[in-house]
């Protein structure tokens, strides 16, 4: 997969401010039964965020991300990261 070969692009760009990308109510985010999980990604750009997601082994291959629900610009030195909130659950 081309995205996986370009993971090195996710390194922090000197002088660029990191952003927090938030996706809500995603289907197919995990291998669990219920859909509707959320995803938080800290990255320098949307492209870098998508590369991090494509290389996260806890997320199924081929997940298509819509536009993020929210994007915040962050202050300070924050490392790129991915946090998965698996699903809504029901029982």
Protein backbone atom coordinates (compact mmCIF):
# COMPACT_ATOMS: atom_id res chain seq x y z
CA UNK A 1 0.00 0.00 0.00
CA UNK A 2 1.47 3.35 -1.03
CA UNK A 3 0.35 5.08 2.17
CA UNK A 4 2.35 2.68 4.31
CA UNK A 5 5.52 3.37 2.37
CA UNK A 6 5.19 7.10 3.01
CA UNK A 7 4.93 6.92 6.81
CA UNK A 8 8.21 8.83 7.16
CA UNK A 9 6.27 11.94 6.07
CA UNK A 10 4.51 11.98 9.44
CA UNK A 11 7.56 13.29 11.29
CA UNK A 12 7.15 16.72 12.77
CA UNK A 13 7.98 19.59 10.45
CA UNK A 14 10.11 22.19 12.25
CA UNK A 15 8.05 25.30 12.91
CA UNK A 16 4.73 23.70 11.92
CA UNK A 17 2.01 23.55 14.57
CA UNK A 18 0.52 20.18 15.30
CA UNK A 19 -3.22 19.67 14.89
CA UNK A 20 -5.76 17.43 16.59
CA UNK A 21 -8.08 15.78 14.07
CA UNK A 22 -11.31 14.28 15.43
CA UNK A 23 -13.55 11.85 13.57
CA UNK A 24 -16.85 10.77 15.16
CA UNK A 25 -19.24 7.88 14.56
CA UNK A 26 -17.04 5.95 12.10
CA UNK A 27 -18.11 2.60 10.69
CA UNK A 28 -15.42 -0.05 10.29
CA UNK A 29 -12.96 1.64 12.65
CA UNK A 30 -12.23 -1.55 14.59
CA UNK A 31 -12.60 -5.30 14.26
CA UNK A 32 -15.31 -5.26 16.98
CA UNK A 33 -18.97 -6.05 16.39
CA UNK A 34 -20.38 -2.56 16.94
CA UNK A 35 -19.65 0.38 14.67
CA UNK A 36 -19.73 4.04 15.61
CA UNK A 37 -16.27 4.55 17.06
CA UNK A 38 -14.32 7.79 17.23
CA UNK A 39 -10.77 8.59 16.26
CA UNK A 40 -8.34 11.24 17.52
CA UNK A 41 -5.13 11.87 15.60
CA UNK A 42 -2.37 14.35 16.37
CA UNK A 43 -0.45 15.21 13.20
CA UNK A 44 0.98 18.15 11.31
CA UNK A 45 -1.55 17.85 8.46
CA UNK A 46 -4.61 15.91 7.33
CA UNK A 47 -2.42 13.89 4.94
CA UNK A 48 -0.05 12.99 7.78
CA UNK A 49 -3.03 12.04 9.98
CA UNK A 50 -4.34 9.68 7.30
CA UNK A 51 -0.89 8.09 6.97
CA UNK A 52 -0.77 7.45 10.71
CA UNK A 53 -4.20 5.82 10.56
CA UNK A 54 -3.20 3.69 7.54
CA UNK A 55 -0.22 2.37 9.51
CA UNK A 56 -2.01 1.70 12.81
CA UNK A 57 -2.34 -2.08 13.17
CA UNK A 58 -5.40 -1.79 15.43
CA UNK A 59 -7.39 -0.20 12.59
CA UNK A 60 -8.64 -2.37 9.69
CA UNK A 61 -6.95 -1.79 6.33
CA UNK A 62 -8.91 0.26 3.84
CA UNK A 63 -10.75 2.48 6.34
CA UNK A 64 -12.00 5.47 4.40
CA UNK A 65 -11.98 8.64 6.43
CA UNK A 66 -14.46 11.42 5.67
CA UNK A 67 -13.56 15.01 6.46
CA UNK A 68 -12.81 15.30 10.20
CA UNK A 69 -15.67 16.50 12.40
CA UNK A 70 -13.33 18.90 14.19
CA UNK A 71 -9.74 20.13 13.84
CA UNK A 72 -7.86 22.02 16.55
CA UNK A 73 -4.45 23.66 16.29
CA UNK A 74 -2.29 22.64 19.25
CA UNK A 75 0.33 24.56 21.19
CA UNK A 76 3.63 23.13 22.35
CA UNK A 77 5.65 20.09 21.36
CA UNK A 78 3.28 17.17 20.91
CA UNK A 79 4.25 13.90 19.25
CA UNK A 80 2.16 12.46 16.43
CA UNK A 81 -0.28 9.86 17.79
CA UNK A 82 -3.51 7.94 17.18
CA UNK A 83 -6.21 7.20 19.78
CA UNK A 84 -9.12 4.91 18.91
CA UNK A 85 -12.40 4.94 20.85
CA UNK A 86 -13.73 1.58 19.65
CA UNK A 87 -17.51 1.83 19.49
CA UNK A 88 -20.74 2.98 21.09
CA UNK A 89 -21.50 -0.47 22.47
CA UNK A 90 -24.96 -1.41 23.58
CA UNK A 91 -25.01 -4.18 26.14
